[in-house]
Amino acid sequence: MRIHRYGDASVIRHDDIPRPMPGPGEVLIDVAATSFNPSDIGLRRGLLRSVFQLDLPCTLGGDVAGTVVEVGGGVRSLAVGDRVIGLLSGGGGAAAEYVTAAEDILVAAPATVPLAHAAALPIAGLTAWQAVFEHAGVTSGQRVLVNGAGGGVGGFAVQLAKYAGAHVIATAGPRSTEMVLRLGADQIVDYTTTPLADALDEPVDVILNLVAIGAETLIPLVRPGGVVVSITVPVTTPAGSPVTAVHFVARNDTSHLAALVKLVDAGAVHLDISASRPLADLASVHRDAESARTRGKIILVP
């Protein structure tokens, strides 16, 4: 599934192209699934050109889960038959039957979940891991607000903050409440009916902001010495503010991804797959997401 130009979901095309060949240090993956991420919409529209320089036509799909079927020269850590997952460089490539990837960006897939389901993990999981542990430094006993817990990153953020020992407050709409509670949230704020300022009885230590909401709403909800971590809009604090604000774009880190796989296999992190769709439905998935008709993680199977 490729785009030949930037635009709305109609620019996504189903193309027949030759099967790629792995180069030195690469493997060929028989794709079990890729997954949809909200950032895919920005890629398709051309809004992320400052971050990802795409060569058009471009195959979509940043997350990959699949089986190694061929190895290129110099590959030492992987062999034919290995089940792998990874975050592909260059903005994507996994929305296809086969994709090549450098061996050093791949890790062993979880052994305890279906391989296709593991495609939900790389981008959303890495983003949540880095928000919780690197930028927020969540520790046991802290009060953490996950703002936007119903999305893919939000589900992982709730679980990782809970794993760190935090008391987790999560914003979610009615469609996502049951899932977010199941993933470990201690308290749910229904953002469709209750303003955040009215829902909290005391300030929180950390806000993980996963939606496009401004700093003027968030900063007053954090105690002095606390932190706001945003993966969407930059959050800036007034001069002299006792609250730290961080905005970041997740990076590919295989040590973090391998740690997430261990948590999945240990049963500490669960993969909430809200839907499994045929890869040919990718344009429809984009339209549904832009109309706010999706939740959680959607995997796409060739």
C-alpha atoms as a PDB file:
ATOM      1  CA  MET A   1       0.000   0.000   0.000  1.00  0.00           C
ATOM      2  CA  ARG A   2       1.780   3.112  -1.295  1.00  0.00           C
ATOM      3  CA  ILE A   3       1.380   6.831  -1.732  1.00  0.00           C
ATOM      4  CA  HIS A   4       2.669   8.499  -4.891  1.00  0.00           C
ATOM      5  CA  ARG A   5       1.845  11.989  -3.637  1.00  0.00           C
ATOM      6  CA  TYR A   6       0.723  13.636  -0.419  1.00  0.00           C
ATOM      7  CA  GLY A   7      -2.978  14.145   0.207  1.00  0.00           C
ATOM      8  CA  ASP A   8      -6.133  12.663   1.702  1.00  0.00           C
ATOM      9  CA  ALA A   9      -6.762   8.947   2.154  1.00  0.00           C
ATOM     10  CA  SER A  10      -7.596   8.545  -1.535  1.00  0.00           C
ATOM     11  CA  VAL A  11      -3.869   8.803  -2.397  1.00  0.00           C
ATOM     12  CA  ILE A  12      -3.237   5.366  -0.816  1.00  0.00           C
ATOM     13  CA  ARG A  13      -2.886   2.865  -3.664  1.00  0.00           C
ATOM     14  CA  HIS A  14      -2.603  -0.904  -3.852  1.00  0.00           C
ATOM     15  CA  ASP A  15       0.396  -1.500  -6.154  1.00  0.00           C
ATOM     16  CA  ASP A  16       1.954  -4.702  -7.414  1.00  0.00           C
ATOM     17  CA  ILE A  17       5.744  -4.373  -7.254  1.00  0.00           C
ATOM     18  CA  PRO A  18       8.631  -6.861  -7.350  1.00  0.00           C
ATOM     19  CA  ARG A  19       9.523  -8.639  -4.123  1.00  0.00           C
ATOM     20  CA  PRO A  20      12.467  -6.781  -2.543  1.00  0.00           C
ATOM     21  CA  MET A  21      15.891  -8.381  -2.131  1.00  0.00           C
ATOM     22  CA  PRO A  22      17.859  -8.035   1.101  1.00  0.00           C
ATOM     23  CA  GLY A  23      21.139  -6.177   0.822  1.00  0.00           C
ATOM     24  CA  PRO A  24      24.217  -6.536   3.046  1.00  0.00           C
ATOM     25  CA  GLY A  25      23.203  -6.518   6.701  1.00  0.00           C
ATOM     26  CA  GLU A  26      19.521  -6.882   5.817  1.00  0.00           C
ATOM     27  CA  VAL A  27      16.899  -9.592   6.017  1.00  0.00           C
ATOM     28  CA  LEU A  28      13.740 -10.185   4.007  1.00  0.00           C
ATOM     29  CA  ILE A  29      10.610 -10.437   6.174  1.00  0.00           C
ATOM     30  CA  ASP A  30       7.399 -12.230   5.265  1.00  0.00           C
ATOM     31  CA  VAL A  31       5.050  -9.706   6.883  1.00  0.00           C
ATOM     32  CA  ALA A  32       2.492 -11.115   9.334  1.00  0.00           C
ATOM     33  CA  ALA A  33       1.065  -7.651  10.017  1.00  0.00           C
ATOM     34  CA  THR A  34       1.754  -3.971  10.296  1.00  0.00           C
ATOM     35  CA  SER A  35      -0.282  -1.587  12.448  1.00  0.00           C
ATOM     36  CA  PHE A  36      -1.893   1.805  12.097  1.00  0.00           C
ATOM     37  CA  ASN A  37      -0.516   4.781  14.018  1.00  0.00           C
ATOM     38  CA  PRO A  38      -1.942   8.330  14.078  1.00  0.00           C
ATOM     39  CA  SER A  39       1.404   9.601  12.796  1.00  0.00           C
ATOM     40  CA  ASP A  40       0.668   7.720   9.548  1.00  0.00           C
ATOM     41  CA  ILE A  41      -1.902  10.407   8.764  1.00  0.00           C
ATOM     42  CA  GLY A  42       0.744  13.100   9.108  1.00  0.00           C
ATOM     43  CA  LEU A  43       3.078  11.134   6.863  1.00  0.00           C
ATOM     44  CA  ARG A  44       0.379  10.716   4.231  1.00  0.00           C
ATOM     45  CA  ARG A  45      -0.533  14.391   4.315  1.00  0.00           C
ATOM     46  CA  GLY A  46       3.104  15.514   4.123  1.00  0.00           C
ATOM     47  CA  LEU A  47       2.976  17.195   7.525  1.00  0.00           C
ATOM     48  CA  LEU A  48       6.016  15.337   8.881  1.00  0.00           C
ATOM     49  CA  ARG A  49       8.472  16.135   6.106  1.00  0.00           C
ATOM     50  CA  SER A  50      10.712  17.938   8.596  1.00  0.00           C
ATOM     51  CA  VAL A  51      11.083  14.648  10.501  1.00  0.00           C
ATOM     52  CA  PHE A  52      10.811  11.997   7.754  1.00  0.00           C
ATOM     53  CA  GLN A  53      12.170  12.661   4.280  1.00  0.00           C
ATOM     54  CA  LEU A  54      10.165  10.247   2.177  1.00  0.00           C
ATOM     55  CA  ASP A  55      11.070   9.127  -1.315  1.00  0.00           C
ATOM     56  CA  LEU A  56       7.824   8.949  -3.271  1.00  0.00           C
ATOM     57  CA  PRO A  57       6.276   6.580  -4.107  1.00  0.00           C
ATOM     58  CA  CYS A  58       6.488   5.370  -0.514  1.00  0.00           C
ATOM     59  CA  THR A  59       5.143   2.191   1.048  1.00  0.00           C
ATOM     60  CA  LEU A  60       3.411   2.915   4.354  1.00  0.00           C
ATOM     61  CA  GLY A  61       3.635   0.925   7.597  1.00  0.00           C
ATOM     62  CA  GLY A  62       6.239   1.751  10.251  1.00  0.00           C
ATOM     63  CA  ASP A  63       5.541  -1.238  12.501  1.00  0.00           C
ATOM     64  CA  VAL A  64       6.432  -4.714  11.312  1.00  0.00           C
ATOM     65  CA  ALA A  65       5.946  -8.220  12.654  1.00  0.00           C
ATOM     66  CA  GLY A  66       6.896 -11.197  10.556  1.00  0.00           C
ATOM     67  CA  THR A  67       9.188 -14.094   9.788  1.00  0.00           C
ATOM     68  CA  VAL A  68      12.670 -13.916   8.272  1.00  0.00           C
ATOM     69  CA  VAL A  69      12.662 -15.760   4.942  1.00  0.00           C
ATOM     70  CA  GLU A  70      16.006 -14.662   3.492  1.00  0.00           C
ATOM     71  CA  VAL A  71      19.195 -13.076   4.844  1.00  0.00           C
ATOM     72  CA  GLY A  72      21.657 -10.794   3.104  1.00  0.00           C
ATOM     73  CA  GLY A  73      25.425 -10.870   3.285  1.00  0.00           C
ATOM     74  CA  GLY A  74      27.035 -10.277   6.659  1.00  0.00           C
ATOM     75  CA  VAL A  75      23.912 -10.991   8.715  1.00  0.00           C
ATOM     76  CA  ARG A  76      24.966 -12.706  11.927  1.00  0.00           C
ATOM     77  CA  SER A  77      22.202 -12.316  14.524  1.00  0.00           C
ATOM     78  CA  LEU A  78      19.190 -13.547  12.528  1.00  0.00           C
ATOM     79  CA  ALA A  79      18.393 -16.666  10.526  1.00  0.00           C
ATOM     80  CA  VAL A  80      15.634 -17.893   8.235  1.00  0.00           C
ATOM     81  CA  GLY A  81      12.593 -18.780  10.331  1.00  0.00           C
ATOM     82  CA  ASP A  82      13.174 -16.204  13.080  1.00  0.00           C
ATOM     83  CA  ARG A  83      10.051 -14.324  14.207  1.00  0.00           C
ATOM     84  CA  VAL A  84      10.866 -10.633  14.518  1.00  0.00           C
ATOM     85  CA  ILE A  85       9.345  -7.224  15.176  1.00  0.00           C
ATOM     86  CA  GLY A  86      10.689  -3.752  14.621  1.00  0.00           C
ATOM     87  CA  LEU A  87      10.226  -0.097  13.827  1.00  0.00           C
ATOM     88  CA  LEU A  88      11.255   0.460  10.229  1.00  0.00           C
ATOM     89  CA  SER A  89      13.409   3.428   9.305  1.00  0.00           C
ATOM     90  CA  GLY A  90      12.465   5.921   6.621  1.00  0.00           C
ATOM     91  CA  GLY A  91       8.815   6.220   7.609  1.00  0.00           C
ATOM     92  CA  GLY A  92       7.562   2.747   6.743  1.00  0.00           C
ATOM     93  CA  GLY A  93       7.536  -0.118   4.286  1.00  0.00           C
ATOM     94  CA  ALA A  94       5.645  -2.844   6.142  1.00  0.00           C
ATOM     95  CA  ALA A  95       2.247  -2.293   4.489  1.00  0.00           C
ATOM     96  CA  ALA A  96       3.173  -5.062   2.056  1.00  0.00           C
ATOM     97  CA  GLU A  97       3.579  -8.816   1.796  1.00  0.00           C
ATOM     98  CA  TYR A  98       7.377  -8.571   2.099  1.00  0.00           C
ATOM     99  CA  VAL A  99       9.776  -5.927   3.376  1.00  0.00           C
ATOM    100  CA  THR A 100      13.525  -5.728   3.900  1.00  0.00           C
ATOM    101  CA  ALA A 101      15.004  -4.384   7.122  1.00  0.00           C
ATOM    102  CA  ALA A 102      18.429  -3.993   8.666  1.00  0.00           C
ATOM    103  CA  GLU A 103      19.081  -6.740  11.188  1.00  0.00           C
ATOM    104  CA  ASP A 104      20.101  -4.227  13.855  1.00  0.00           C
ATOM    105  CA  ILE A 105      16.641  -2.623  14.069  1.00  0.00           C
ATOM    106  CA  LEU A 106      14.841  -5.911  14.739  1.00  0.00           C
ATOM    107  CA  VAL A 107      14.277  -7.911  17.920  1.00  0.00           C
ATOM    108  CA  ALA A 108      12.762 -11.307  18.618  1.00  0.00           C
ATOM    109  CA  ALA A 109       8.967 -11.201  18.648  1.00  0.00           C
ATOM    110  CA  PRO A 110       7.059 -12.089  21.833  1.00  0.00           C
ATOM    111  CA  ALA A 111       6.562 -15.827  22.146  1.00  0.00           C
ATOM    112  CA  THR A 112       3.258 -15.657  24.041  1.00  0.00           C
ATOM    113  CA  VAL A 113       1.054 -13.718  21.571  1.00  0.00           C
ATOM    114  CA  PRO A 114       0.113 -14.246  17.928  1.00  0.00           C
ATOM    115  CA  LEU A 115       2.838 -12.888  15.677  1.00  0.00           C
ATOM    116  CA  ALA A 116       0.445 -10.543  13.861  1.00  0.00           C
ATOM    117  CA  HIS A 117      -0.629  -8.996  17.178  1.00  0.00           C
ATOM    118  CA  ALA A 118       2.981  -8.110  17.957  1.00  0.00           C
ATOM    119  CA  ALA A 119       2.875  -5.518  15.164  1.00  0.00           C
ATOM    120  CA  ALA A 120       1.019  -3.299  17.644  1.00  0.00           C
ATOM    121  CA  LEU A 121       4.078  -2.972  19.852  1.00  0.00           C
ATOM    122  CA  PRO A 122       7.001  -1.082  18.258  1.00  0.00           C
ATOM    123  CA  ILE A 123       5.926   2.541  17.651  1.00  0.00           C
ATOM    124  CA  ALA A 124       3.275   2.852  20.350  1.00  0.00           C
ATOM    125  CA  GLY A 125       5.238   0.818  22.861  1.00  0.00           C
ATOM    126  CA  LEU A 126       8.496   2.696  22.335  1.00  0.00           C
ATOM    127  CA  THR A 127       6.711   6.038  22.606  1.00  0.00           C
ATOM    128  CA  ALA A 128       5.069   5.040  25.874  1.00  0.00           C
ATOM    129  CA  TRP A 129       8.274   3.538  27.293  1.00  0.00           C
ATOM    130  CA  GLN A 130      10.308   6.662  26.594  1.00  0.00           C
ATOM    131  CA  ALA A 131       7.556   8.956  27.920  1.00  0.00           C
ATOM    132  CA  VAL A 132       7.170   7.006  31.172  1.00  0.00           C
ATOM    133  CA  PHE A 133      10.744   6.068  31.976  1.00  0.00           C
ATOM    134  CA  GLU A 134      13.081   8.453  30.144  1.00  0.00           C
ATOM    135  CA  HIS A 135      11.259  11.770  30.137  1.00  0.00           C
ATOM    136  CA  ALA A 136       8.890  11.534  33.105  1.00  0.00           C
ATOM    137  CA  GLY A 137      11.006   9.204  35.252  1.00  0.00           C
ATOM    138  CA  VAL A 138       7.882   7.727  36.836  1.00  0.00           C
ATOM    139  CA  THR A 139       8.523   6.095  40.209  1.00  0.00           C
ATOM    140  CA  SER A 140       6.485   4.139  42.720  1.00  0.00           C
ATOM    141  CA  GLY A 141       3.866   6.115  44.607  1.00  0.00           C
ATOM    142  CA  GLN A 142       3.556   8.964  42.129  1.00  0.00           C
ATOM    143  CA  ARG A 143       0.218  10.168  40.800  1.00  0.00           C
ATOM    144  CA  VAL A 144       0.295  10.020  37.003  1.00  0.00           C
ATOM    145  CA  LEU A 145      -2.361  11.409  34.661  1.00  0.00           C
ATOM    146  CA  VAL A 146      -2.437   9.735  31.238  1.00  0.00           C
ATOM    147  CA  ASN A 147      -4.284  12.236  29.085  1.00  0.00           C
ATOM    148  CA  GLY A 148      -5.610  10.286  26.097  1.00  0.00           C
ATOM    149  CA  ALA A 149      -5.466   6.743  27.452  1.00  0.00           C
ATOM    150  CA  GLY A 150      -7.825   5.298  24.847  1.00  0.00           C
ATOM    151  CA  GLY A 151      -5.271   5.370  22.036  1.00  0.00           C
ATOM    152  CA  GLY A 152      -2.504   2.916  21.267  1.00  0.00           C
ATOM    153  CA  VAL A 153       0.217   4.846  23.099  1.00  0.00           C
ATOM    154  CA  GLY A 154      -2.182   5.534  25.968  1.00  0.00           C
ATOM    155  CA  GLY A 155      -2.866   1.864  26.601  1.00  0.00           C
ATOM    156  CA  PHE A 156       0.834   1.121  26.901  1.00  0.00           C
ATOM    157  CA  ALA A 157       1.455   4.257  28.993  1.00  0.00           C
ATOM    158  CA  VAL A 158      -1.187   3.197  31.517  1.00  0.00           C
ATOM    159  CA  GLN A 159       0.370  -0.248  31.839  1.00  0.00           C
ATOM    160  CA  LEU A 160       3.964   0.974  32.102  1.00  0.00           C
ATOM    161  CA  ALA A 161       3.130   3.658  34.662  1.00  0.00           C
ATOM    162  CA  LYS A 162       1.263   1.041  36.687  1.00  0.00           C
ATOM    163  CA  TYR A 163       4.228  -1.338  36.306  1.00  0.00           C
ATOM    164  CA  ALA A 164       6.428   1.421  37.764  1.00  0.00           C
ATOM    165  CA  GLY A 165       4.174   1.546  40.826  1.00  0.00           C
ATOM    166  CA  ALA A 166       2.246   4.737  40.087  1.00  0.00           C
ATOM    167  CA  HIS A 167      -1.361   5.599  40.873  1.00  0.00           C
ATOM    168  CA  VAL A 168      -2.745   6.053  37.368  1.00  0.00           C
ATOM    169  CA  ILE A 169      -5.520   8.462  36.460  1.00  0.00           C
ATOM    170  CA  ALA A 170      -6.601   8.179  32.837  1.00  0.00           C
ATOM    171  CA  THR A 171      -8.797  10.250  30.561  1.00  0.00           C
ATOM    172  CA  ALA A 172     -10.932   8.166  28.231  1.00  0.00           C
ATOM    173  CA  GLY A 173     -14.246   8.337  26.422  1.00  0.00           C
ATOM    174  CA  PRO A 174     -17.103   5.886  26.954  1.00  0.00           C
ATOM    175  CA  ARG A 175     -15.872   3.565  24.175  1.00  0.00           C
ATOM    176  CA  SER A 176     -12.486   3.108  25.862  1.00  0.00           C
ATOM    177  CA  THR A 177     -13.319   3.120  29.577  1.00  0.00           C
ATOM    178  CA  GLU A 178     -13.619  -0.647  30.014  1.00  0.00           C
ATOM    179  CA  MET A 179     -10.377  -1.305  28.151  1.00  0.00           C
ATOM    180  CA  VAL A 180      -8.409   1.336  30.087  1.00  0.00           C
ATOM    181  CA  LEU A 181      -9.623  -0.027  33.423  1.00  0.00           C
ATOM    182  CA  ARG A 182      -8.670  -3.534  32.304  1.00  0.00           C
ATOM    183  CA  LEU A 183      -5.163  -2.301  31.517  1.00  0.00           C
ATOM    184  CA  GLY A 184      -4.725  -1.065  35.074  1.00  0.00           C
ATOM    185  CA  ALA A 185      -5.966   2.512  35.446  1.00  0.00           C
ATOM    186  CA  ASP A 186      -6.996   3.335  39.018  1.00  0.00           C
ATOM    187  CA  GLN A 187      -9.323   6.180  38.072  1.00  0.00           C
ATOM    188  CA  ILE A 188     -11.081   7.180  34.841  1.00  0.00           C
ATOM    189  CA  VAL A 189     -11.978  10.718  33.843  1.00  0.00           C
ATOM    190  CA  ASP A 190     -14.616  10.831  31.107  1.00  0.00           C
ATOM    191  CA  TYR A 191     -13.324  13.737  29.053  1.00  0.00           C
ATOM    192  CA  THR A 192     -16.653  14.002  27.228  1.00  0.00           C
ATOM    193  CA  THR A 193     -18.462  15.059  30.399  1.00  0.00           C
ATOM    194  CA  THR A 194     -15.919  16.191  32.989  1.00  0.00           C
ATOM    195  CA  PRO A 195     -13.266  18.943  32.688  1.00  0.00           C
ATOM    196  CA  LEU A 196      -9.875  17.811  33.934  1.00  0.00           C
ATOM    197  CA  ALA A 197      -9.685  20.636  36.454  1.00  0.00           C
ATOM    198  CA  ASP A 198     -12.900  19.385  38.094  1.00  0.00           C
ATOM    199  CA  ALA A 199     -11.873  15.729  38.115  1.00  0.00           C
ATOM    200  CA  LEU A 200      -8.684  15.933  40.187  1.00  0.00           C
ATOM    201  CA  ASP A 201      -8.906  16.341  43.947  1.00  0.00           C
ATOM    202  CA  GLU A 202      -5.207  17.227  44.162  1.00  0.00           C
ATOM    203  CA  PRO A 203      -2.348  17.975  41.740  1.00  0.00           C
ATOM    204  CA  VAL A 204      -0.538  15.118  40.049  1.00  0.00           C
ATOM    205  CA  ASP A 205       3.197  14.450  39.837  1.00  0.00           C
ATOM    206  CA  VAL A 206       3.235  13.658  36.125  1.00  0.00           C
ATOM    207  CA  ILE A 207       1.025  14.302  33.116  1.00  0.00           C
ATOM    208  CA  LEU A 208       1.600  12.202  30.011  1.00  0.00           C
ATOM    209  CA  ASN A 209      -0.128  14.254  27.341  1.00  0.00           C
ATOM    210  CA  LEU A 210      -1.116  12.179  24.317  1.00  0.00           C
ATOM    211  CA  VAL A 211      -3.707  14.535  22.809  1.00  0.00           C
ATOM    212  CA  ALA A 212      -3.556  17.990  21.242  1.00  0.00           C
ATOM    213  CA  ILE A 213      -4.295  20.095  24.308  1.00  0.00           C
ATOM    214  CA  GLY A 214      -2.563  23.306  25.321  1.00  0.00           C
ATOM    215  CA  ALA A 215      -0.304  24.012  28.266  1.00  0.00           C
ATOM    216  CA  GLU A 216      -2.715  26.462  29.864  1.00  0.00           C
ATOM    217  CA  THR A 217      -4.985  23.515  30.746  1.00  0.00           C
ATOM    218  CA  LEU A 218      -2.253  21.147  31.930  1.00  0.00           C
ATOM    219  CA  ILE A 219       0.280  23.154  33.924  1.00  0.00           C
ATOM    220  CA  PRO A 220      -2.101  24.098  36.785  1.00  0.00           C
ATOM    221  CA  LEU A 221      -2.842  20.398  37.344  1.00  0.00           C
ATOM    222  CA  VAL A 222       0.772  19.513  38.214  1.00  0.00           C
ATOM    223  CA  ARG A 223       2.387  19.949  41.599  1.00  0.00           C
ATOM    224  CA  PRO A 224       5.557  22.062  41.950  1.00  0.00           C
ATOM    225  CA  GLY A 225       8.501  19.935  40.863  1.00  0.00           C
ATOM    226  CA  GLY A 226       6.319  17.816  38.603  1.00  0.00           C
ATOM    227  CA  VAL A 227       6.561  17.260  34.867  1.00  0.00           C
ATOM    228  CA  VAL A 228       4.380  17.382  31.762  1.00  0.00           C
ATOM    229  CA  VAL A 229       5.517  15.108  28.923  1.00  0.00           C
ATOM    230  CA  SER A 230       3.785  15.656  25.584  1.00  0.00           C
ATOM    231  CA  ILE A 231       4.038  13.594  22.407  1.00  0.00           C
ATOM    232  CA  THR A 232       1.671  15.881  20.500  1.00  0.00           C
ATOM    233  CA  VAL A 233       1.803  19.662  20.768  1.00  0.00           C
ATOM    234  CA  PRO A 234       4.833  21.246  22.456  1.00  0.00           C
ATOM    235  CA  VAL A 235       4.070  22.306  26.015  1.00  0.00           C
ATOM    236  CA  THR A 236       5.899  25.370  27.310  1.00  0.00           C
ATOM    237  CA  THR A 237       5.825  26.690  30.851  1.00  0.00           C
ATOM    238  CA  PRO A 238       5.988  30.334  31.961  1.00  0.00           C
ATOM    239  CA  ALA A 239       9.354  31.688  33.056  1.00  0.00           C
ATOM    240  CA  GLY A 240      10.104  30.616  36.602  1.00  0.00           C
ATOM    241  CA  SER A 241       7.471  27.872  36.605  1.00  0.00           C
ATOM    242  CA  PRO A 242       8.130  25.032  39.089  1.00  0.00           C
ATOM    243  CA  VAL A 243       6.822  22.552  36.510  1.00  0.00           C
ATOM    244  CA  THR A 244       9.050  20.965  33.844  1.00  0.00           C
ATOM    245  CA  ALA A 245       7.678  20.547  30.312  1.00  0.00           C
ATOM    246  CA  VAL A 246       9.042  18.078  27.754  1.00  0.00           C
ATOM    247  CA  HIS A 247       8.035  17.458  24.146  1.00  0.00           C
ATOM    248  CA  PHE A 248       9.650  14.585  22.255  1.00  0.00           C
ATOM    249  CA  VAL A 249       9.481  12.336  19.208  1.00  0.00           C
ATOM    250  CA  ALA A 250      10.123   8.670  19.960  1.00  0.00           C
ATOM    251  CA  ARG A 251      13.322   7.139  18.640  1.00  0.00           C
ATOM    252  CA  ASN A 252      14.067   3.595  17.596  1.00  0.00           C
ATOM    253  CA  ASP A 253      15.820   1.827  20.471  1.00  0.00           C
ATOM    254  CA  THR A 254      16.028  -1.950  20.275  1.00  0.00           C
ATOM    255  CA  SER A 255      16.995  -2.244  23.951  1.00  0.00           C
ATOM    256  CA  HIS A 256      13.699  -0.604  24.890  1.00  0.00           C
ATOM    257  CA  LEU A 257      11.780  -2.748  22.404  1.00  0.00           C
ATOM    258  CA  ALA A 258      13.390  -5.942  23.716  1.00  0.00           C
ATOM    259  CA  ALA A 259      12.469  -4.893  27.277  1.00  0.00           C
ATOM    260  CA  LEU A 260       8.860  -4.420  26.161  1.00  0.00           C
ATOM    261  CA  VAL A 261       8.852  -7.899  24.598  1.00  0.00           C
ATOM    262  CA  LYS A 262      10.007  -9.362  27.930  1.00  0.00           C
ATOM    263  CA  LEU A 263       7.168  -7.595  29.735  1.00  0.00           C
ATOM    264  CA  VAL A 264       4.674  -8.951  27.208  1.00  0.00           C
ATOM    265  CA  ASP A 265       5.975 -12.496  27.645  1.00  0.00           C
ATOM    266  CA  ALA A 266       5.903 -12.055  31.434  1.00  0.00           C
ATOM    267  CA  GLY A 267       2.259 -10.986  31.302  1.00  0.00           C
ATOM    268  CA  ALA A 268       3.005  -7.510  32.660  1.00  0.00           C
ATOM    269  CA  VAL A 269       2.061  -5.737  29.406  1.00  0.00           C
ATOM    270  CA  HIS A 270      -0.915  -6.769  27.304  1.00  0.00           C
ATOM    271  CA  LEU A 271      -1.544  -6.056  23.637  1.00  0.00           C
ATOM    272  CA  ASP A 272      -5.025  -4.623  23.233  1.00  0.00           C
ATOM    273  CA  ILE A 273      -5.916  -5.202  19.584  1.00  0.00           C
ATOM    274  CA  SER A 274      -9.125  -3.336  18.849  1.00  0.00           C
ATOM    275  CA  ALA A 275      -9.392  -4.620  15.271  1.00  0.00           C
ATOM    276  CA  SER A 276      -7.639  -6.761  12.675  1.00  0.00           C
ATOM    277  CA  ARG A 277      -8.236  -5.549   9.126  1.00  0.00           C
ATOM    278  CA  PRO A 278      -7.046  -6.666   5.690  1.00  0.00           C
ATOM    279  CA  LEU A 279      -4.173  -4.574   4.388  1.00  0.00           C
ATOM    280  CA  ALA A 280      -6.361  -3.524   1.450  1.00  0.00           C
ATOM    281  CA  ASP A 281      -8.552  -1.638   3.988  1.00  0.00           C
ATOM    282  CA  LEU A 282      -5.740   0.763   4.880  1.00  0.00           C
ATOM    283  CA  ALA A 283      -7.336   3.825   3.266  1.00  0.00           C
ATOM    284  CA  SER A 284     -10.582   3.070   5.095  1.00  0.00           C
ATOM    285  CA  VAL A 285      -8.706   2.822   8.401  1.00  0.00           C
ATOM    286  CA  HIS A 286      -7.164   6.237   7.745  1.00  0.00           C
ATOM    287  CA  ARG A 287     -10.609   7.699   7.093  1.00  0.00           C
ATOM    288  CA  ASP A 288     -12.041   6.129  10.235  1.00  0.00           C
ATOM    289  CA  ALA A 289      -9.183   7.518  12.329  1.00  0.00           C
ATOM    290  CA  GLU A 290      -9.623  11.008  10.908  1.00  0.00           C
ATOM    291  CA  SER A 291     -13.315  10.808  11.816  1.00  0.00           C
ATOM    292  CA  ALA A 292     -12.517   9.646  15.386  1.00  0.00           C
ATOM    293  CA  ARG A 293     -14.090   6.242  14.793  1.00  0.00           C
ATOM    294  CA  THR A 294     -11.135   4.172  16.012  1.00  0.00           C
ATOM    295  CA  ARG A 295      -9.617   3.305  19.363  1.00  0.00           C
ATOM    296  CA  GLY A 296      -6.646   1.314  20.584  1.00  0.00           C
ATOM    297  CA  LYS A 297      -4.407  -0.530  18.142  1.00  0.00           C
ATOM    298  CA  ILE A 298      -5.509  -1.706  14.698  1.00  0.00           C
ATOM    299  CA  ILE A 299      -3.376  -4.292  12.930  1.00  0.00           C
ATOM    300  CA  LEU A 300      -3.417  -4.784   9.158  1.00  0.00           C
ATOM    301  CA  VAL A 301      -2.782  -8.227   7.729  1.00  0.00           C
ATOM    302  CA  PRO A 302      -1.616  -8.841   4.117  1.00  0.00           C
END
